[in-house]
């Protein structure tokens, strides 16, 4: 049996302002820290798990608040989509920008943010990392991943393609996530919702 926990980082000021934020290394907001501290006691016991973070301030701090004694590895492959020139801008700021209009129209998977990457490029690196850590012949693996909204969706779509859920159907709230269990008979998951105040 393999068990994988996937967590989205806590709330940031940029998220509160509804800004596109991928490669920009922003910290958790005061409210984000407060919500995680309240959530801490409800977290599952992950003693013996291997911990991974995207290495960004917001994911590292989320992990450190929720599992203060955990030793973890930083993996850049788990970072959010690079929004290029759209980084730290809102829809309202960008809606009349012709490059933005081209990015949000057509194929959302393949369209590349100017100076950034496409959703497919992000998914490829995230799934390649998942395949790497799940390879090998150990009978049991226990893994906890602290990442971002886009990579959470990418991993759920990879593990459960038969559900055919889109980005918004798989997306989870800040500080929330999924528990995935994999064995020879297939895969199952549980959505983890500790505090529904922030989505």
N, C-alpha and C. Protein backbone atom coordinates (compact mmCIF):
# COMPACT_ATOMS: atom_id res chain seq x y z
N UNK A 1 0.84 -1.20 0.00
CA UNK A 1 0.00 0.00 0.00
C UNK A 1 0.88 1.25 0.00
N UNK A 2 0.56 2.16 -0.88
CA UNK A 2 1.22 3.47 -0.92
C UNK A 2 0.21 4.53 -0.52
N UNK A 3 0.61 5.42 0.38
CA UNK A 3 -0.26 6.52 0.81
C UNK A 3 0.44 7.84 0.51
N UNK A 4 -0.27 8.71 -0.20
CA UNK A 4 0.27 10.02 -0.57
C UNK A 4 -0.69 11.11 -0.08
N UNK A 5 -0.18 12.01 0.72
CA UNK A 5 -0.94 13.20 1.11
C UNK A 5 -0.45 14.36 0.25
N UNK A 6 -1.38 15.12 -0.30
CA UNK A 6 -1.04 16.30 -1.11
C UNK A 6 -1.74 17.50 -0.48
N UNK A 7 -0.95 18.49 -0.09
CA UNK A 7 -1.50 19.68 0.55
C UNK A 7 -1.20 20.94 -0.28
N UNK A 8 -2.19 21.82 -0.36
CA UNK A 8 -1.98 23.14 -0.94
C UNK A 8 -1.49 24.07 0.18
N UNK A 9 -0.61 24.99 -0.14
CA UNK A 9 -0.07 25.92 0.87
C UNK A 9 -1.18 26.80 1.44
N UNK A 10 -0.86 27.46 2.54
CA UNK A 10 -1.80 28.36 3.18
C UNK A 10 -2.00 29.66 2.41
N UNK A 11 -2.90 30.46 2.91
CA UNK A 11 -3.30 31.70 2.25
C UNK A 11 -2.16 32.72 2.21
N UNK A 12 -2.08 33.45 1.10
CA UNK A 12 -1.11 34.54 0.93
C UNK A 12 -1.85 35.85 0.69
N UNK A 13 -1.14 36.95 0.85
CA UNK A 13 -1.75 38.26 0.56
C UNK A 13 -2.13 38.36 -0.91
N UNK A 14 -1.29 37.78 -1.80
CA UNK A 14 -1.57 37.82 -3.23
C UNK A 14 -2.86 37.07 -3.55
N UNK A 15 -3.08 35.96 -2.86
CA UNK A 15 -4.33 35.21 -3.07
C UNK A 15 -5.53 36.01 -2.57
N UNK A 16 -5.35 36.68 -1.45
CA UNK A 16 -6.43 37.51 -0.92
C UNK A 16 -6.82 38.61 -1.91
N UNK A 17 -5.83 39.07 -2.68
CA UNK A 17 -6.06 40.14 -3.67
C UNK A 17 -6.40 39.57 -5.05
N UNK A 18 -6.50 38.24 -5.15
CA UNK A 18 -6.85 37.54 -6.40
C UNK A 18 -5.85 37.84 -7.52
N UNK A 19 -4.56 37.75 -7.19
CA UNK A 19 -3.49 37.97 -8.16
C UNK A 19 -2.97 36.63 -8.66
N UNK A 20 -2.54 36.58 -9.92
CA UNK A 20 -1.84 35.40 -10.43
C UNK A 20 -0.48 35.34 -9.75
N UNK A 21 -0.18 34.25 -9.11
CA UNK A 21 1.10 34.15 -8.40
C UNK A 21 1.64 32.73 -8.52
N UNK A 22 2.71 32.58 -9.29
CA UNK A 22 3.31 31.27 -9.48
C UNK A 22 4.75 31.26 -9.03
N UNK A 23 5.64 31.81 -9.86
CA UNK A 23 7.08 31.77 -9.57
C UNK A 23 7.50 32.78 -8.50
N UNK A 24 6.65 33.79 -8.24
CA UNK A 24 7.01 34.81 -7.27
C UNK A 24 7.00 34.20 -5.87
N UNK A 25 8.09 34.37 -5.15
CA UNK A 25 8.27 33.69 -3.86
C UNK A 25 7.71 34.55 -2.74
N UNK A 26 6.40 34.45 -2.53
CA UNK A 26 5.73 35.28 -1.54
C UNK A 26 5.50 34.48 -0.25
N UNK A 27 5.42 35.16 0.89
CA UNK A 27 5.16 34.46 2.16
C UNK A 27 3.67 34.27 2.39
N UNK A 28 3.33 33.52 3.42
CA UNK A 28 1.96 33.43 3.87
C UNK A 28 1.52 34.78 4.43
N UNK A 29 0.23 35.05 4.34
CA UNK A 29 -0.30 36.26 4.95
C UNK A 29 -0.53 36.01 6.44
N UNK A 30 -0.77 37.08 7.19
CA UNK A 30 -1.06 36.93 8.62
C UNK A 30 -2.30 36.06 8.82
N UNK A 31 -3.29 36.25 7.98
CA UNK A 31 -4.51 35.43 8.09
C UNK A 31 -4.21 33.98 7.74
N UNK A 32 -3.35 33.78 6.74
CA UNK A 32 -2.97 32.42 6.37
C UNK A 32 -2.28 31.68 7.50
N UNK A 33 -1.39 32.36 8.19
CA UNK A 33 -0.68 31.76 9.34
C UNK A 33 -1.67 31.45 10.46
N UNK A 34 -2.57 32.38 10.72
CA UNK A 34 -3.56 32.18 11.79
C UNK A 34 -4.44 30.96 11.49
N UNK A 35 -4.90 30.82 10.26
CA UNK A 35 -5.76 29.69 9.90
C UNK A 35 -5.02 28.36 10.02
N UNK A 36 -3.77 28.34 9.60
CA UNK A 36 -2.99 27.10 9.69
C UNK A 36 -2.74 26.71 11.15
N UNK A 37 -2.47 27.70 11.99
CA UNK A 37 -2.23 27.40 13.40
C UNK A 37 -3.49 26.82 14.06
N UNK A 38 -4.66 27.31 13.65
CA UNK A 38 -5.92 26.76 14.16
C UNK A 38 -6.15 25.33 13.65
N UNK A 39 -5.68 25.08 12.46
CA UNK A 39 -5.89 23.79 11.79
C UNK A 39 -4.94 22.70 12.30
N UNK A 40 -3.84 23.12 12.88
CA UNK A 40 -2.73 22.22 13.21
C UNK A 40 -3.15 20.97 13.97
N UNK A 41 -4.01 21.12 14.97
CA UNK A 41 -4.38 19.98 15.80
C UNK A 41 -5.24 18.97 15.05
N UNK A 42 -5.87 19.38 13.96
CA UNK A 42 -6.73 18.48 13.20
C UNK A 42 -5.97 17.67 12.14
N UNK A 43 -4.67 17.93 11.99
CA UNK A 43 -3.90 17.28 10.94
C UNK A 43 -3.65 15.81 11.25
N UNK A 44 -3.60 14.97 10.22
CA UNK A 44 -3.32 13.55 10.45
C UNK A 44 -1.89 13.34 10.95
N UNK A 45 -1.70 12.25 11.66
CA UNK A 45 -0.37 11.88 12.14
C UNK A 45 0.43 11.32 10.97
N UNK A 46 1.50 12.01 10.60
CA UNK A 46 2.31 11.57 9.46
C UNK A 46 3.70 11.14 9.90
N UNK A 47 3.79 10.57 11.08
CA UNK A 47 5.05 10.02 11.56
C UNK A 47 5.53 8.93 10.60
N UNK A 48 6.79 9.00 10.19
CA UNK A 48 7.33 8.01 9.27
C UNK A 48 7.16 8.35 7.81
N UNK A 49 6.54 9.48 7.52
CA UNK A 49 6.34 9.88 6.13
C UNK A 49 7.57 10.62 5.60
N UNK A 50 7.75 10.58 4.29
CA UNK A 50 8.75 11.39 3.61
C UNK A 50 8.07 12.68 3.17
N UNK A 51 8.62 13.83 3.57
CA UNK A 51 8.01 15.12 3.28
C UNK A 51 8.73 15.82 2.14
N UNK A 52 7.92 16.43 1.27
CA UNK A 52 8.45 17.21 0.14
C UNK A 52 7.73 18.55 0.06
N UNK A 53 8.48 19.59 -0.26
CA UNK A 53 7.92 20.93 -0.46
C UNK A 53 8.43 21.48 -1.79
N UNK A 54 7.68 22.42 -2.34
CA UNK A 54 8.13 23.05 -3.58
C UNK A 54 9.32 23.98 -3.35
N UNK A 55 9.63 24.23 -2.09
CA UNK A 55 10.78 25.08 -1.79
C UNK A 55 10.47 26.56 -1.81
N UNK A 56 9.20 26.91 -1.97
CA UNK A 56 8.81 28.31 -1.92
C UNK A 56 8.47 28.69 -0.48
N UNK A 57 8.56 29.97 -0.16
CA UNK A 57 8.30 30.41 1.21
C UNK A 57 6.93 29.95 1.70
N UNK A 58 5.93 30.03 0.83
CA UNK A 58 4.56 29.72 1.26
C UNK A 58 4.34 28.24 1.51
N UNK A 59 5.03 27.37 0.76
CA UNK A 59 4.87 25.93 1.02
C UNK A 59 5.74 25.48 2.18
N UNK A 60 6.98 25.98 2.24
CA UNK A 60 7.85 25.61 3.36
C UNK A 60 7.23 26.02 4.69
N UNK A 61 6.70 27.23 4.75
CA UNK A 61 6.12 27.72 6.01
C UNK A 61 4.86 26.95 6.38
N UNK A 62 4.06 26.61 5.39
CA UNK A 62 2.87 25.79 5.66
C UNK A 62 3.26 24.47 6.29
N UNK A 63 4.25 23.82 5.71
CA UNK A 63 4.73 22.55 6.24
C UNK A 63 5.27 22.72 7.65
N UNK A 64 6.04 23.76 7.85
CA UNK A 64 6.68 23.99 9.16
C UNK A 64 5.66 24.30 10.26
N UNK A 65 4.58 24.97 9.91
CA UNK A 65 3.53 25.25 10.90
C UNK A 65 2.77 23.97 11.24
N UNK A 66 2.39 23.22 10.22
CA UNK A 66 1.55 22.04 10.45
C UNK A 66 2.33 20.84 10.99
N UNK A 67 3.60 20.73 10.59
CA UNK A 67 4.45 19.61 11.03
C UNK A 67 5.81 20.14 11.43
N UNK A 68 5.88 20.82 12.57
CA UNK A 68 7.11 21.53 12.95
C UNK A 68 8.35 20.66 13.13
N UNK A 69 8.18 19.38 13.39
CA UNK A 69 9.34 18.51 13.59
C UNK A 69 9.75 17.76 12.32
N UNK A 70 9.02 17.98 11.24
CA UNK A 70 9.30 17.24 10.00
C UNK A 70 10.57 17.72 9.32
N UNK A 71 11.34 16.76 8.82
CA UNK A 71 12.49 17.05 7.95
C UNK A 71 11.99 16.87 6.53
N UNK A 72 12.26 17.83 5.66
CA UNK A 72 11.69 17.75 4.32
C UNK A 72 12.70 18.10 3.24
N UNK A 73 12.39 17.65 2.03
CA UNK A 73 13.20 17.95 0.86
C UNK A 73 12.49 19.00 0.01
N UNK A 74 13.28 19.89 -0.58
CA UNK A 74 12.73 20.92 -1.47
C UNK A 74 12.87 20.47 -2.91
N UNK A 75 11.75 20.48 -3.63
CA UNK A 75 11.73 20.01 -5.02
C UNK A 75 11.11 21.08 -5.91
N UNK A 76 11.92 21.71 -6.75
CA UNK A 76 11.44 22.78 -7.62
C UNK A 76 10.38 22.29 -8.61
N UNK A 77 10.38 20.99 -8.90
CA UNK A 77 9.39 20.43 -9.84
C UNK A 77 7.97 20.61 -9.32
N UNK A 78 7.81 20.82 -8.02
CA UNK A 78 6.48 20.96 -7.42
C UNK A 78 5.98 22.40 -7.40
N UNK A 79 6.69 23.31 -8.03
CA UNK A 79 6.28 24.72 -8.01
C UNK A 79 5.05 24.96 -8.89
N UNK A 80 4.39 26.07 -8.59
CA UNK A 80 3.19 26.47 -9.33
C UNK A 80 3.54 26.87 -10.76
N UNK A 81 2.53 26.95 -11.59
CA UNK A 81 2.68 27.45 -12.97
C UNK A 81 3.39 28.81 -12.95
N UNK A 82 4.33 28.98 -13.85
CA UNK A 82 5.02 30.26 -14.03
C UNK A 82 4.14 31.13 -14.92
N UNK A 83 3.56 32.18 -14.36
CA UNK A 83 2.64 33.04 -15.11
C UNK A 83 3.35 34.13 -15.92
N UNK A 84 4.67 34.12 -15.95
CA UNK A 84 5.42 35.03 -16.80
C UNK A 84 5.08 36.49 -16.52
N UNK A 85 4.74 37.24 -17.56
CA UNK A 85 4.48 38.68 -17.40
C UNK A 85 3.16 38.97 -16.68
N UNK A 86 2.37 37.93 -16.45
CA UNK A 86 1.10 38.12 -15.73
C UNK A 86 1.26 37.97 -14.21
N UNK A 87 2.47 37.61 -13.77
CA UNK A 87 2.71 37.41 -12.34
C UNK A 87 2.32 38.64 -11.51
N UNK A 88 1.59 38.36 -10.43
CA UNK A 88 1.19 39.37 -9.45
C UNK A 88 0.32 40.48 -10.04
N UNK A 89 -0.46 40.10 -11.05
CA UNK A 89 -1.48 40.99 -11.61
C UNK A 89 -2.84 40.31 -11.49
N UNK A 90 -3.88 41.10 -11.42
CA UNK A 90 -5.24 40.56 -11.31
C UNK A 90 -5.91 40.52 -12.68
N UNK A 91 -7.02 39.83 -12.73
CA UNK A 91 -7.81 39.79 -13.97
C UNK A 91 -8.21 41.21 -14.37
N UNK A 92 -8.62 42.01 -13.41
CA UNK A 92 -9.05 43.38 -13.70
C UNK A 92 -7.92 44.19 -14.35
N UNK A 93 -6.69 43.95 -13.91
CA UNK A 93 -5.55 44.67 -14.48
C UNK A 93 -5.21 44.17 -15.88
N UNK A 94 -5.51 42.90 -16.15
CA UNK A 94 -5.04 42.27 -17.38
C UNK A 94 -6.11 42.12 -18.48
N UNK A 95 -7.36 42.28 -18.13
CA UNK A 95 -8.43 41.87 -19.05
C UNK A 95 -8.39 42.55 -20.40
N UNK A 96 -7.83 43.75 -20.49
CA UNK A 96 -7.75 44.46 -21.77
C UNK A 96 -6.41 44.27 -22.47
N UNK A 97 -5.54 43.48 -21.88
CA UNK A 97 -4.21 43.20 -22.46
C UNK A 97 -4.36 42.13 -23.54
N UNK A 98 -3.91 42.42 -24.77
CA UNK A 98 -4.12 41.49 -25.88
C UNK A 98 -3.37 40.17 -25.67
N UNK A 99 -2.19 40.22 -25.03
CA UNK A 99 -1.45 38.99 -24.76
C UNK A 99 -2.19 38.12 -23.74
N UNK A 100 -2.82 38.77 -22.79
CA UNK A 100 -3.61 38.03 -21.79
C UNK A 100 -4.83 37.40 -22.45
N UNK A 101 -5.49 38.15 -23.30
CA UNK A 101 -6.66 37.62 -24.01
C UNK A 101 -6.30 36.40 -24.85
N UNK A 102 -5.12 36.44 -25.48
CA UNK A 102 -4.66 35.29 -26.27
C UNK A 102 -4.38 34.09 -25.37
N UNK A 103 -3.84 34.35 -24.17
CA UNK A 103 -3.50 33.25 -23.25
C UNK A 103 -4.75 32.57 -22.72
N UNK A 104 -5.77 33.32 -22.35
CA UNK A 104 -6.95 32.71 -21.73
C UNK A 104 -7.93 32.14 -22.76
N UNK A 105 -7.72 32.43 -24.05
CA UNK A 105 -8.61 31.89 -25.08
C UNK A 105 -7.97 30.65 -25.71
N UNK A 106 -8.77 29.87 -26.40
CA UNK A 106 -8.24 28.68 -27.07
C UNK A 106 -7.95 27.57 -26.08
N UNK A 107 -6.83 26.88 -26.29
CA UNK A 107 -6.48 25.71 -25.48
C UNK A 107 -5.76 26.14 -24.20
N UNK A 108 -6.44 26.05 -23.08
CA UNK A 108 -5.83 26.48 -21.82
C UNK A 108 -4.65 25.62 -21.40
N UNK A 109 -4.62 24.37 -21.87
CA UNK A 109 -3.52 23.48 -21.53
C UNK A 109 -2.23 23.86 -22.24
N UNK A 110 -2.36 24.25 -23.50
CA UNK A 110 -1.19 24.47 -24.35
C UNK A 110 -0.72 25.91 -24.42
N UNK A 111 -1.60 26.86 -24.14
CA UNK A 111 -1.23 28.26 -24.25
C UNK A 111 -0.16 28.61 -23.21
N UNK A 112 0.91 29.23 -23.68
CA UNK A 112 2.04 29.57 -22.82
C UNK A 112 1.91 31.03 -22.37
N UNK A 113 2.05 31.26 -21.07
CA UNK A 113 2.10 32.64 -20.58
C UNK A 113 3.36 33.30 -21.15
N UNK A 114 3.27 34.49 -21.72
CA UNK A 114 4.48 35.15 -22.22
C UNK A 114 5.53 35.27 -21.12
N UNK A 115 6.71 34.71 -21.38
CA UNK A 115 7.77 34.72 -20.38
C UNK A 115 7.61 33.66 -19.32
N UNK A 116 6.58 32.81 -19.45
CA UNK A 116 6.31 31.78 -18.46
C UNK A 116 6.19 30.40 -19.08
N UNK A 117 5.18 29.65 -18.67
CA UNK A 117 5.00 28.29 -19.18
C UNK A 117 3.53 27.98 -19.37
N UNK A 118 3.26 26.85 -19.98
CA UNK A 118 1.89 26.40 -20.19
C UNK A 118 1.48 25.45 -19.06
N UNK A 119 0.19 25.21 -18.95
CA UNK A 119 -0.30 24.25 -17.95
C UNK A 119 0.26 22.86 -18.23
N UNK A 120 0.39 22.50 -19.49
CA UNK A 120 0.92 21.19 -19.84
C UNK A 120 2.37 21.05 -19.40
N UNK A 121 3.17 22.10 -19.57
CA UNK A 121 4.56 22.06 -19.13
C UNK A 121 4.65 21.89 -17.61
N UNK A 122 3.78 22.60 -16.88
CA UNK A 122 3.76 22.45 -15.43
C UNK A 122 3.37 21.03 -15.05
N UNK A 123 2.33 20.50 -15.68
CA UNK A 123 1.87 19.14 -15.38
C UNK A 123 2.95 18.11 -15.65
N UNK A 124 3.67 18.27 -16.74
CA UNK A 124 4.72 17.31 -17.10
C UNK A 124 5.78 17.22 -16.01
N UNK A 125 6.22 18.36 -15.49
CA UNK A 125 7.28 18.31 -14.47
C UNK A 125 6.76 17.77 -13.14
N UNK A 126 5.51 18.10 -12.80
CA UNK A 126 4.93 17.61 -11.54
C UNK A 126 4.72 16.10 -11.59
N UNK A 127 4.19 15.62 -12.70
CA UNK A 127 3.93 14.18 -12.83
C UNK A 127 5.23 13.40 -12.95
N UNK A 128 6.23 13.97 -13.60
CA UNK A 128 7.54 13.30 -13.67
C UNK A 128 8.12 13.13 -12.28
N UNK A 129 7.95 14.14 -11.43
CA UNK A 129 8.42 14.02 -10.05
C UNK A 129 7.65 12.93 -9.31
N UNK A 130 6.34 12.88 -9.48
CA UNK A 130 5.53 11.87 -8.80
C UNK A 130 5.95 10.47 -9.23
N UNK A 131 6.17 10.28 -10.50
CA UNK A 131 6.60 8.97 -10.99
C UNK A 131 7.94 8.57 -10.39
N UNK A 132 8.83 9.55 -10.25
CA UNK A 132 10.16 9.27 -9.71
C UNK A 132 10.08 8.81 -8.26
N UNK A 133 9.30 9.52 -7.43
CA UNK A 133 9.27 9.15 -6.01
C UNK A 133 8.44 7.90 -5.76
N UNK A 134 7.57 7.55 -6.70
CA UNK A 134 6.75 6.35 -6.53
C UNK A 134 7.38 5.12 -7.17
N UNK A 135 8.48 5.31 -7.89
CA UNK A 135 9.14 4.17 -8.51
C UNK A 135 9.93 3.40 -7.45
N UNK A 136 10.37 2.23 -7.80
CA UNK A 136 11.09 1.41 -6.83
C UNK A 136 10.24 0.24 -6.40
N UNK A 137 10.81 -0.62 -5.60
CA UNK A 137 10.13 -1.87 -5.28
C UNK A 137 9.80 -2.03 -3.80
N UNK A 138 9.87 -0.93 -3.04
CA UNK A 138 9.49 -1.03 -1.64
C UNK A 138 8.02 -1.42 -1.54
N UNK A 139 7.69 -2.22 -0.55
CA UNK A 139 6.32 -2.68 -0.39
C UNK A 139 5.39 -1.56 0.04
N UNK A 140 5.90 -0.61 0.78
CA UNK A 140 5.06 0.46 1.31
C UNK A 140 5.76 1.80 1.16
N UNK A 141 5.00 2.81 0.72
CA UNK A 141 5.53 4.17 0.65
C UNK A 141 4.56 5.09 1.35
N UNK A 142 5.12 6.05 2.08
CA UNK A 142 4.31 7.05 2.76
C UNK A 142 4.91 8.42 2.46
N UNK A 143 4.16 9.23 1.75
CA UNK A 143 4.68 10.48 1.20
C UNK A 143 3.73 11.63 1.51
N UNK A 144 4.28 12.77 1.87
CA UNK A 144 3.49 13.99 2.10
C UNK A 144 4.09 15.12 1.25
N UNK A 145 3.26 15.71 0.40
CA UNK A 145 3.70 16.74 -0.54
C UNK A 145 3.01 18.06 -0.22
N UNK A 146 3.80 19.12 -0.10
CA UNK A 146 3.27 20.46 0.13
C UNK A 146 3.57 21.29 -1.12
N UNK A 147 2.51 21.68 -1.81
CA UNK A 147 2.67 22.29 -3.11
C UNK A 147 1.64 23.40 -3.32
N UNK A 148 1.18 23.59 -4.54
CA UNK A 148 0.33 24.72 -4.92
C UNK A 148 -0.95 24.21 -5.60
N UNK A 149 -1.87 25.12 -5.85
CA UNK A 149 -3.16 24.73 -6.42
C UNK A 149 -3.06 24.00 -7.75
N UNK A 150 -2.25 24.53 -8.67
CA UNK A 150 -2.11 23.89 -9.98
C UNK A 150 -1.52 22.49 -9.90
N UNK A 151 -0.40 22.30 -9.20
CA UNK A 151 0.16 20.96 -9.05
C UNK A 151 -0.76 19.98 -8.33
N UNK A 152 -1.55 20.44 -7.35
CA UNK A 152 -2.52 19.54 -6.70
C UNK A 152 -3.48 18.98 -7.75
N UNK A 153 -4.02 19.87 -8.58
CA UNK A 153 -4.94 19.44 -9.64
C UNK A 153 -4.25 18.50 -10.62
N UNK A 154 -3.02 18.83 -11.01
CA UNK A 154 -2.27 17.99 -11.95
C UNK A 154 -2.11 16.57 -11.41
N UNK A 155 -1.80 16.45 -10.13
CA UNK A 155 -1.60 15.13 -9.53
C UNK A 155 -2.91 14.36 -9.43
N UNK A 156 -3.98 15.03 -9.07
CA UNK A 156 -5.26 14.34 -8.98
C UNK A 156 -5.76 13.89 -10.35
N UNK A 157 -5.56 14.70 -11.36
CA UNK A 157 -5.93 14.30 -12.72
C UNK A 157 -5.09 13.13 -13.20
N UNK A 158 -3.84 13.09 -12.77
CA UNK A 158 -2.95 11.98 -13.15
C UNK A 158 -3.37 10.68 -12.47
N UNK A 159 -3.64 10.73 -11.18
CA UNK A 159 -3.99 9.51 -10.44
C UNK A 159 -5.41 9.03 -10.73
N UNK A 160 -6.31 9.96 -11.09
CA UNK A 160 -7.72 9.59 -11.26
C UNK A 160 -8.27 10.12 -12.60
N UNK A 161 -7.67 9.72 -13.71
CA UNK A 161 -8.10 10.23 -15.02
C UNK A 161 -9.53 9.82 -15.39
N UNK A 162 -9.97 8.70 -14.85
CA UNK A 162 -11.31 8.22 -15.19
C UNK A 162 -12.42 9.14 -14.68
N UNK A 163 -12.11 9.99 -13.71
CA UNK A 163 -13.12 10.90 -13.19
C UNK A 163 -13.37 12.10 -14.10
N UNK A 164 -12.42 12.37 -14.98
CA UNK A 164 -12.57 13.44 -15.99
C UNK A 164 -12.98 14.78 -15.38
N UNK A 165 -12.43 15.09 -14.20
CA UNK A 165 -12.74 16.35 -13.55
C UNK A 165 -11.82 17.46 -14.06
N UNK A 166 -12.38 18.67 -14.16
CA UNK A 166 -11.57 19.80 -14.63
C UNK A 166 -10.85 20.47 -13.45
N UNK A 167 -10.13 21.52 -13.76
CA UNK A 167 -9.33 22.23 -12.76
C UNK A 167 -10.17 22.63 -11.55
N UNK A 168 -11.33 23.23 -11.81
CA UNK A 168 -12.13 23.77 -10.72
C UNK A 168 -12.78 22.67 -9.88
N UNK A 169 -13.03 21.53 -10.48
CA UNK A 169 -13.62 20.42 -9.73
C UNK A 169 -12.61 19.75 -8.80
N UNK A 170 -11.33 19.77 -9.17
CA UNK A 170 -10.28 19.17 -8.33
C UNK A 170 -9.68 20.17 -7.36
N UNK A 171 -9.79 21.45 -7.64
CA UNK A 171 -9.12 22.46 -6.83
C UNK A 171 -9.58 22.38 -5.37
N UNK A 172 -8.63 22.56 -4.46
CA UNK A 172 -8.96 22.55 -3.03
C UNK A 172 -8.60 23.90 -2.42
N UNK A 173 -9.12 24.15 -1.22
CA UNK A 173 -8.86 25.41 -0.55
C UNK A 173 -7.44 25.51 -0.03
N UNK A 174 -7.06 26.69 0.41
CA UNK A 174 -5.73 26.92 0.98
C UNK A 174 -5.58 26.12 2.28
N UNK A 175 -4.46 25.40 2.39
CA UNK A 175 -4.22 24.57 3.55
C UNK A 175 -4.95 23.24 3.52
N UNK A 176 -5.70 22.98 2.45
CA UNK A 176 -6.47 21.75 2.31
C UNK A 176 -5.73 20.78 1.39
N UNK A 177 -6.32 19.64 1.11
CA UNK A 177 -5.64 18.70 0.22
C UNK A 177 -6.38 17.39 0.03
N UNK A 178 -5.61 16.36 -0.28
CA UNK A 178 -6.16 15.03 -0.55
C UNK A 178 -5.27 13.96 0.07
N UNK A 179 -5.91 12.87 0.47
CA UNK A 179 -5.20 11.65 0.85
C UNK A 179 -5.47 10.62 -0.25
N UNK A 180 -4.40 10.10 -0.83
CA UNK A 180 -4.50 9.12 -1.91
C UNK A 180 -3.93 7.80 -1.43
N UNK A 181 -4.62 6.71 -1.71
CA UNK A 181 -4.12 5.38 -1.40
C UNK A 181 -4.06 4.55 -2.67
N UNK A 182 -2.89 3.94 -2.88
CA UNK A 182 -2.63 3.16 -4.10
C UNK A 182 -2.22 1.75 -3.72
N UNK A 183 -2.82 0.77 -4.37
CA UNK A 183 -2.37 -0.62 -4.20
C UNK A 183 -2.64 -1.38 -5.49
N UNK A 184 -2.43 -2.67 -5.48
CA UNK A 184 -2.57 -3.48 -6.69
C UNK A 184 -3.99 -3.46 -7.25
N UNK A 185 -4.96 -3.15 -6.40
CA UNK A 185 -6.35 -3.17 -6.86
C UNK A 185 -6.80 -1.82 -7.42
N UNK A 186 -5.98 -0.79 -7.28
CA UNK A 186 -6.34 0.51 -7.83
C UNK A 186 -6.01 1.66 -6.90
N UNK A 187 -6.74 2.77 -7.08
CA UNK A 187 -6.48 3.99 -6.32
C UNK A 187 -7.78 4.54 -5.74
N UNK A 188 -7.66 5.15 -4.58
CA UNK A 188 -8.80 5.81 -3.96
C UNK A 188 -8.31 7.09 -3.29
N UNK A 189 -9.24 7.99 -2.99
CA UNK A 189 -8.83 9.24 -2.36
C UNK A 189 -9.90 9.76 -1.40
N UNK A 190 -9.44 10.60 -0.50
CA UNK A 190 -10.32 11.33 0.42
C UNK A 190 -9.94 12.79 0.35
N UNK A 191 -10.91 13.67 0.20
CA UNK A 191 -10.62 15.10 0.21
C UNK A 191 -10.49 15.56 1.65
N UNK A 192 -9.48 16.34 1.94
CA UNK A 192 -9.20 16.82 3.29
C UNK A 192 -9.61 18.29 3.39
N UNK A 193 -10.61 18.55 4.18
CA UNK A 193 -11.10 19.92 4.36
C UNK A 193 -11.13 20.22 5.85
N UNK A 194 -10.14 20.95 6.31
CA UNK A 194 -10.00 21.21 7.75
C UNK A 194 -10.71 22.50 8.17
N UNK A 195 -10.74 23.47 7.28
CA UNK A 195 -11.35 24.75 7.59
C UNK A 195 -11.86 25.32 6.29
N UNK A 196 -13.17 25.43 6.16
CA UNK A 196 -13.78 25.84 4.89
C UNK A 196 -13.97 27.35 4.76
N UNK A 197 -13.40 28.11 5.71
CA UNK A 197 -13.60 29.55 5.68
C UNK A 197 -12.98 30.18 4.43
N UNK A 198 -11.81 29.66 4.02
CA UNK A 198 -11.11 30.23 2.87
C UNK A 198 -11.08 29.22 1.75
N UNK A 199 -11.42 29.62 0.54
CA UNK A 199 -11.39 28.74 -0.63
C UNK A 199 -10.44 29.28 -1.67
